Structures are given as C-alpha cells and as structure tokens.
C-alpha cells in the first residue's frame, strides 16, 4: 500500500468500523487510513506526477501544480480525498468542476483531467499530505460524509480527523443493504510533502 497534500488554483483547497456482523469490518492502518481486510479482485493504484511509482514521498512547494493518477483493473467509481498535515480532509473527487469519477478497467485517469476547468496547486500547511483513493464497483453515498455549500465546487468533509474520516468511510463502503459489500471496494494511498 502506498502513501499521499493539495490546493486548487481557482484557490479552492483540496483536498471505523461498522459492518454487518457476519462480515469482516474495514480496518484502520497505523496511519488511520481505511483498508479492506477482505480479499477482492478489484484493485486501484494511485500516484502523483512527481512519483509515478507511488512509493516515494515527493516534495512540492506551495503554488506548484500537482496531478494525481488512479488506475483500476475493473470498472469502478473513484473517490479521492486529501488528508492535510493537520489532519483535516478535503474531498477532491467527486466535485462540481470535474466530469465523471467513473473509471473504466485498465484506464489511468489523471485528476485534474485534460479539459477540466481548474488545476490543483499545492498549498500549506507544510508537512506530509496523504491522498486516499477509494475505488468501488458501485456508487457510494457520501451524504453522511461530505456536503456541498451553495456555490462551492468542492464538498466539505465533515469528519475533521483521520480516524473520523476512516470510521465514516467504513460505514459508507459497507452499506447494510448489500449482501457482500466488502468485495466491492478497495483503497490505496500516496504521500507527498509540502516543503519550502
């Protein structure tokens, strides 16, 4: 698993555990990131433009443009969150500026995508940021996790800590009405640092 800090030019800042009793609940990693303990054939790989491998922690300066890449092995809905050094979280995708967050099998999507009407610029605070991706075979209902304010392009994430985000996501990815929800999603993270 890889690890993930951002701001948007247009100056928009970017960016548990409950399950059905018979199923394994999502786990929190040591970094308070949600991971799926159940084997699934769905996979997602995340990287930033300065580290295509997704294994390093590249350094960006405040104001630098940054691009995030996600590749899925099956058709999936991609949800991106930026976890800032202070623990607050920004929802990158979905948003009201990008097109769809649906990605076809084998496709690599870059966010922002060519044709999007914005760019991501790195902002403060300085320190290590994490970008979290959740890939799901079915659309997720983020209403309990995030909401859009009138006229805002990006949703505000309600939980303001990494642990709170992970717990809220664990509920979102394992809706009670699905028979085997754990097999429908997976996650990955990358890290990047905001330096001088």
C-alpha atoms as a PDB file:
ATOM      1  CA  UNK A   1       0.000   0.000   0.000  1.00  0.00           C
ATOM      2  CA  UNK A   2       1.306   3.415  -0.866  1.00  0.00           C
ATOM      3  CA  UNK A   3       1.051   6.718   0.953  1.00  0.00           C
ATOM      4  CA  UNK A   4      -0.184  10.780  -0.040  1.00  0.00           C
ATOM      5  CA  UNK A   5      -1.289  17.496   0.051  1.00  0.00           C
ATOM      6  CA  UNK A   6      -3.052  19.979  -2.199  1.00  0.00           C
ATOM      7  CA  UNK A   7      -4.679  23.294  -3.121  1.00  0.00           C
ATOM      8  CA  UNK A   8      -6.567  24.252  -6.215  1.00  0.00           C
ATOM      9  CA  UNK A   9      -5.709  27.158  -8.488  1.00  0.00           C
ATOM     10  CA  UNK A  10      -9.062  28.892  -8.508  1.00  0.00           C
ATOM     11  CA  UNK A  11      -7.909  28.840  -4.945  1.00  0.00           C
ATOM     12  CA  UNK A  12     -10.130  26.069  -3.754  1.00  0.00           C
ATOM     13  CA  UNK A  13      -8.397  23.976  -1.098  1.00  0.00           C
ATOM     14  CA  UNK A  14      -8.498  20.299  -1.847  1.00  0.00           C
ATOM     15  CA  UNK A  15      -8.156  18.203  -0.608  1.00  0.00           C
ATOM     16  CA  UNK A  16     -14.063   2.513  11.621  1.00  0.00           C
ATOM     17  CA  UNK A  17     -15.541   0.466  11.989  1.00  0.00           C
ATOM     18  CA  UNK A  18     -19.023  -0.789  11.474  1.00  0.00           C
ATOM     19  CA  UNK A  19     -20.067  -3.667   9.244  1.00  0.00           C
ATOM     20  CA  UNK A  20     -22.587  -6.435   9.078  1.00  0.00           C
ATOM     21  CA  UNK A  21     -21.950  -8.793  11.969  1.00  0.00           C
ATOM     22  CA  UNK A  22     -21.158 -11.751   9.701  1.00  0.00           C
ATOM     23  CA  UNK A  23     -18.547  -9.844   7.680  1.00  0.00           C
ATOM     24  CA  UNK A  24     -15.074  -8.528   8.396  1.00  0.00           C
ATOM     25  CA  UNK A  25     -15.166  -4.814   9.093  1.00  0.00           C
ATOM     26  CA  UNK A  26     -12.795  -2.401   7.360  1.00  0.00           C
ATOM     27  CA  UNK A  27      -9.560  -1.931   9.264  1.00  0.00           C
ATOM     28  CA  UNK A  28      -7.655   1.208  10.149  1.00  0.00           C
ATOM     29  CA  UNK A  29      -3.986   1.137   9.247  1.00  0.00           C
ATOM     30  CA  UNK A  30      -1.368   2.604  11.551  1.00  0.00           C
ATOM     31  CA  UNK A  31      -1.781   5.816   9.548  1.00  0.00           C
ATOM     32  CA  UNK A  32      -5.567   5.895  10.256  1.00  0.00           C
ATOM     33  CA  UNK A  33      -6.393   5.015   6.659  1.00  0.00           C
ATOM     34  CA  UNK A  34      -9.241   2.653   5.848  1.00  0.00           C
ATOM     35  CA  UNK A  35      -8.208  -0.667   4.307  1.00  0.00           C
ATOM     36  CA  UNK A  36     -10.293  -3.615   3.208  1.00  0.00           C
ATOM     37  CA  UNK A  37      -9.395  -6.809   5.123  1.00  0.00           C
ATOM     38  CA  UNK A  38     -11.365  -8.975   2.679  1.00  0.00           C
ATOM     39  CA  UNK A  39      -9.648 -10.235  -0.489  1.00  0.00           C
ATOM     40  CA  UNK A  40     -11.163  -8.670  -3.594  1.00  0.00           C
ATOM     41  CA  UNK A  41     -10.244  -8.858  -7.267  1.00  0.00           C
ATOM     42  CA  UNK A  42     -10.728  -5.089  -7.603  1.00  0.00           C
ATOM     43  CA  UNK A  43      -7.503  -3.103  -7.371  1.00  0.00           C
ATOM     44  CA  UNK A  44      -6.577   0.566  -7.628  1.00  0.00           C
ATOM     45  CA  UNK A  45      -3.132   2.144  -7.879  1.00  0.00           C
ATOM     46  CA  UNK A  46      -2.548   5.772  -7.015  1.00  0.00           C
ATOM     47  CA  UNK A  47       0.381   8.068  -7.819  1.00  0.00           C
ATOM     48  CA  UNK A  48       1.293  11.735  -8.141  1.00  0.00           C
ATOM     49  CA  UNK A  49       3.053  13.275 -11.123  1.00  0.00           C
ATOM     50  CA  UNK A  50       6.455  13.551  -9.379  1.00  0.00           C
ATOM     51  CA  UNK A  51       6.432   9.880  -8.361  1.00  0.00           C
ATOM     52  CA  UNK A  52       4.781   7.604 -10.947  1.00  0.00           C
ATOM     53  CA  UNK A  53       5.636   4.574  -8.771  1.00  0.00           C
ATOM     54  CA  UNK A  54       3.507   5.871  -5.873  1.00  0.00           C
ATOM     55  CA  UNK A  55       6.105   4.554  -3.409  1.00  0.00           C
ATOM     56  CA  UNK A  56       8.056   7.702  -2.537  1.00  0.00           C
ATOM     57  CA  UNK A  57       7.147  10.989  -0.858  1.00  0.00           C
ATOM     58  CA  UNK A  58       7.972  13.670  -3.448  1.00  0.00           C
ATOM     59  CA  UNK A  59       8.385  17.280  -2.339  1.00  0.00           C
ATOM     60  CA  UNK A  60       6.275  20.109  -3.755  1.00  0.00           C
ATOM     61  CA  UNK A  61       6.445  23.797  -2.953  1.00  0.00           C
ATOM     62  CA  UNK A  62       3.427  25.928  -2.171  1.00  0.00           C
ATOM     63  CA  UNK A  63       1.973  27.002  -5.525  1.00  0.00           C
ATOM     64  CA  UNK A  64       3.315  24.034  -7.534  1.00  0.00           C
ATOM     65  CA  UNK A  65       0.788  22.266  -9.742  1.00  0.00           C
ATOM     66  CA  UNK A  66       0.160  18.626  -8.858  1.00  0.00           C
ATOM     67  CA  UNK A  67      -1.620  15.854 -10.748  1.00  0.00           C
ATOM     68  CA  UNK A  68      -2.986  12.656  -9.227  1.00  0.00           C
ATOM     69  CA  UNK A  69      -3.298   9.441 -11.231  1.00  0.00           C
ATOM     70  CA  UNK A  70      -5.560   6.492 -10.458  1.00  0.00           C
ATOM     71  CA  UNK A  71      -5.589   3.209 -12.354  1.00  0.00           C
ATOM     72  CA  UNK A  72      -8.222   0.500 -11.807  1.00  0.00           C
ATOM     73  CA  UNK A  73      -8.228  -3.075 -13.051  1.00  0.00           C
ATOM     74  CA  UNK A  74     -12.055  -3.196 -13.256  1.00  0.00           C
ATOM     75  CA  UNK A  75     -14.705  -0.573 -13.968  1.00  0.00           C
ATOM     76  CA  UNK A  76     -15.033   1.455 -10.769  1.00  0.00           C
ATOM     77  CA  UNK A  77     -16.122   4.719  -9.211  1.00  0.00           C
ATOM     78  CA  UNK A  78     -13.106   6.599  -7.876  1.00  0.00           C
ATOM     79  CA  UNK A  79     -13.285   8.796  -4.764  1.00  0.00           C
ATOM     80  CA  UNK A  80     -10.274  10.945  -3.848  1.00  0.00           C
ATOM     81  CA  UNK A  81      -9.550  12.639  -0.517  1.00  0.00           C
ATOM     82  CA  UNK A  82      -6.559  14.743   0.530  1.00  0.00           C
ATOM     83  CA  UNK A  83      -5.573  14.414   4.188  1.00  0.00           C
ATOM     84  CA  UNK A  84      -3.663  17.512   5.227  1.00  0.00           C
ATOM     85  CA  UNK A  85      -0.766  17.547   7.739  1.00  0.00           C
ATOM     86  CA  UNK A  86      -3.117  18.997  10.378  1.00  0.00           C
ATOM     87  CA  UNK A  87      -5.486  16.012   9.936  1.00  0.00           C
ATOM     88  CA  UNK A  88      -8.253  17.895   8.109  1.00  0.00           C
ATOM     89  CA  UNK A  89      -9.568  16.334   4.922  1.00  0.00           C
ATOM     90  CA  UNK A  90     -10.563  17.743   1.540  1.00  0.00           C
ATOM     91  CA  UNK A  91     -12.737  15.814  -0.925  1.00  0.00           C
ATOM     92  CA  UNK A  92     -11.122  16.004  -4.352  1.00  0.00           C
ATOM     93  CA  UNK A  93     -13.491  13.713  -6.264  1.00  0.00           C
ATOM     94  CA  UNK A  94     -16.325  13.836  -6.899  1.00  0.00           C
ATOM     95  CA  UNK A  95     -16.636  17.592  -7.288  1.00  0.00           C
ATOM     96  CA  UNK A  96     -18.687  20.059  -9.314  1.00  0.00           C
ATOM     97  CA  UNK A  97     -15.850  21.001 -11.699  1.00  0.00           C
ATOM     98  CA  UNK A  98     -14.684  17.600 -12.969  1.00  0.00           C
ATOM     99  CA  UNK A  99     -16.520  15.243 -15.203  1.00  0.00           C
ATOM    100  CA  UNK A 100     -17.444  11.796 -14.027  1.00  0.00           C
ATOM    101  CA  UNK A 101     -15.462   9.942 -11.377  1.00  0.00           C
ATOM    102  CA  UNK A 102     -16.220   6.622 -13.113  1.00  0.00           C
ATOM    103  CA  UNK A 103     -13.070   4.964 -14.487  1.00  0.00           C
ATOM    104  CA  UNK A 104     -13.022   2.071 -16.967  1.00  0.00           C
ATOM    105  CA  UNK A 105     -10.995  -1.117 -16.401  1.00  0.00           C
ATOM    106  CA  UNK A 106      -7.324  -0.671 -17.263  1.00  0.00           C
ATOM    107  CA  UNK A 107      -7.721   3.080 -17.691  1.00  0.00           C
ATOM    108  CA  UNK A 108      -5.497   5.587 -15.925  1.00  0.00           C
ATOM    109  CA  UNK A 109      -7.312   8.794 -15.082  1.00  0.00           C
ATOM    110  CA  UNK A 110      -5.443  11.939 -14.203  1.00  0.00           C
ATOM    111  CA  UNK A 111      -7.068  14.416 -11.848  1.00  0.00           C
ATOM    112  CA  UNK A 112      -7.479  17.122 -12.842  1.00  0.00           C
ATOM    113  CA  UNK A 113      -8.126  15.607 -16.244  1.00  0.00           C
ATOM    114  CA  UNK A 114      -7.362  17.335 -19.532  1.00  0.00           C
ATOM    115  CA  UNK A 115     -10.352  19.549 -20.195  1.00  0.00           C
ATOM    116  CA  UNK A 116     -11.136  20.166 -16.524  1.00  0.00           C
ATOM    117  CA  UNK A 117     -11.560  23.860 -15.828  1.00  0.00           C
ATOM    118  CA  UNK A 118      -9.149  24.001 -12.901  1.00  0.00           C
ATOM    119  CA  UNK A 119      -5.713  22.884 -11.754  1.00  0.00           C
ATOM    120  CA  UNK A 120      -4.531  21.690  -8.371  1.00  0.00           C
ATOM    121  CA  UNK A 121      -1.901  23.868  -6.752  1.00  0.00           C
ATOM    122  CA  UNK A 122      -0.143  22.735  -3.618  1.00  0.00           C
ATOM    123  CA  UNK A 123      -0.931  24.808  -0.542  1.00  0.00           C
ATOM    124  CA  UNK A 124       0.075  24.821   3.094  1.00  0.00           C
ATOM    125  CA  UNK A 125       0.458  23.877   5.761  1.00  0.00           C
ATOM    126  CA  UNK A 126       3.892  22.389   5.242  1.00  0.00           C
ATOM    127  CA  UNK A 127       4.347  18.729   6.022  1.00  0.00           C
ATOM    128  CA  UNK A 128       3.320  15.342   4.686  1.00  0.00           C
ATOM    129  CA  UNK A 129      -0.045  15.026   2.957  1.00  0.00           C
ATOM    130  CA  UNK A 130      -1.825  11.789   2.091  1.00  0.00           C
ATOM    131  CA  UNK A 131      -4.112  11.254  -0.859  1.00  0.00           C
ATOM    132  CA  UNK A 132      -6.588   8.444  -0.259  1.00  0.00           C
ATOM    133  CA  UNK A 133      -8.455   6.750  -3.093  1.00  0.00           C
ATOM    134  CA  UNK A 134     -11.465   4.513  -2.641  1.00  0.00           C
ATOM    135  CA  UNK A 135     -12.431   2.517  -5.747  1.00  0.00           C
ATOM    136  CA  UNK A 136     -15.881   0.941  -5.674  1.00  0.00           C
ATOM    137  CA  UNK A 137     -17.776  -1.204  -8.166  1.00  0.00           C
ATOM    138  CA  UNK A 138     -20.960   0.578  -7.139  1.00  0.00           C
ATOM    139  CA  UNK A 139     -21.565   4.290  -6.490  1.00  0.00           C
ATOM    140  CA  UNK A 140     -21.133   5.301  -2.852  1.00  0.00           C
ATOM    141  CA  UNK A 141     -23.477   7.635  -0.999  1.00  0.00           C
ATOM    142  CA  UNK A 142     -21.271  10.302   0.581  1.00  0.00           C
ATOM    143  CA  UNK A 143     -24.179  12.336   2.025  1.00  0.00           C
ATOM    144  CA  UNK A 144     -23.241  11.458   5.620  1.00  0.00           C
ATOM    145  CA  UNK A 145     -19.563  12.152   4.985  1.00  0.00           C
ATOM    146  CA  UNK A 146     -19.461  15.355   2.951  1.00  0.00           C
ATOM    147  CA  UNK A 147     -21.689  18.104   1.601  1.00  0.00           C
ATOM    148  CA  UNK A 148     -21.576  20.987  -0.840  1.00  0.00           C
ATOM    149  CA  UNK A 149     -22.210  24.528   0.327  1.00  0.00           C
ATOM    150  CA  UNK A 150     -24.150  26.797  -2.028  1.00  0.00           C
ATOM    151  CA  UNK A 151     -21.950  27.806  -4.943  1.00  0.00           C
ATOM    152  CA  UNK A 152     -18.999  25.686  -3.827  1.00  0.00           C
ATOM    153  CA  UNK A 153     -17.231  23.433  -6.335  1.00  0.00           C
ATOM    154  CA  UNK A 154     -15.747  21.094  -3.735  1.00  0.00           C
ATOM    155  CA  UNK A 155     -17.509  19.296  -0.923  1.00  0.00           C
ATOM    156  CA  UNK A 156     -16.654  19.878   2.704  1.00  0.00           C
ATOM    157  CA  UNK A 157     -15.760  16.699   4.596  1.00  0.00           C
ATOM    158  CA  UNK A 158     -17.458  16.531   7.999  1.00  0.00           C
ATOM    159  CA  UNK A 159     -15.042  14.353   9.997  1.00  0.00           C
ATOM    160  CA  UNK A 160     -12.069  16.568  10.815  1.00  0.00           C
ATOM    161  CA  UNK A 161      -9.633  13.853  11.871  1.00  0.00           C
ATOM    162  CA  UNK A 162      -8.068  10.926  10.023  1.00  0.00           C
ATOM    163  CA  UNK A 163      -9.683   8.450  12.404  1.00  0.00           C
ATOM    164  CA  UNK A 164     -13.068  10.139  11.989  1.00  0.00           C
ATOM    165  CA  UNK A 165     -12.741  10.001   8.210  1.00  0.00           C
ATOM    166  CA  UNK A 166     -11.797   6.317   8.299  1.00  0.00           C
ATOM    167  CA  UNK A 167     -14.745   5.469  10.572  1.00  0.00           C
ATOM    168  CA  UNK A 168     -17.193   7.421   8.389  1.00  0.00           C
ATOM    169  CA  UNK A 169     -15.836   5.779   5.235  1.00  0.00           C
ATOM    170  CA  UNK A 170     -16.145   2.328   6.807  1.00  0.00           C
ATOM    171  CA  UNK A 171     -19.888   2.914   7.093  1.00  0.00           C
ATOM    172  CA  UNK A 172     -20.143   4.316   3.542  1.00  0.00           C
ATOM    173  CA  UNK A 173     -18.307   1.402   1.890  1.00  0.00           C
ATOM    174  CA  UNK A 174     -20.252  -1.291   3.767  1.00  0.00           C
ATOM    175  CA  UNK A 175     -23.925  -0.409   3.377  1.00  0.00           C
ATOM    176  CA  UNK A 176     -26.130  -2.876   5.227  1.00  0.00           C
ATOM    177  CA  UNK A 177     -28.393  -3.483   2.209  1.00  0.00           C
ATOM    178  CA  UNK A 178     -25.612  -5.035   0.093  1.00  0.00           C
ATOM    179  CA  UNK A 179     -25.078  -8.788   0.562  1.00  0.00           C
ATOM    180  CA  UNK A 180     -21.255  -8.806   0.344  1.00  0.00           C
ATOM    181  CA  UNK A 181     -20.173  -5.157   0.387  1.00  0.00           C
ATOM    182  CA  UNK A 182     -16.541  -5.851   1.347  1.00  0.00           C
ATOM    183  CA  UNK A 183     -15.816  -7.399  -2.038  1.00  0.00           C
ATOM    184  CA  UNK A 184     -16.968  -4.259  -3.878  1.00  0.00           C
ATOM    185  CA  UNK A 185     -14.266  -1.786  -2.847  1.00  0.00           C
ATOM    186  CA  UNK A 186     -10.580  -1.259  -2.228  1.00  0.00           C
ATOM    187  CA  UNK A 187      -8.273   1.614  -1.297  1.00  0.00           C
ATOM    188  CA  UNK A 188      -4.779   2.956  -1.829  1.00  0.00           C
ATOM    189  CA  UNK A 189      -2.812   5.970  -0.621  1.00  0.00           C
ATOM    190  CA  UNK A 190       0.136   8.067  -1.740  1.00  0.00           C
ATOM    191  CA  UNK A 191       2.096  10.674   0.170  1.00  0.00           C
ATOM    192  CA  UNK A 192       3.632  13.939  -0.851  1.00  0.00           C
ATOM    193  CA  UNK A 193       5.355  16.603   1.160  1.00  0.00           C
ATOM    194  CA  UNK A 194       4.858  20.354   1.101  1.00  0.00           C
ATOM    195  CA  UNK A 195       8.232  21.944   1.663  1.00  0.00           C
ATOM    196  CA  UNK A 196       9.872  25.328   1.364  1.00  0.00           C
END
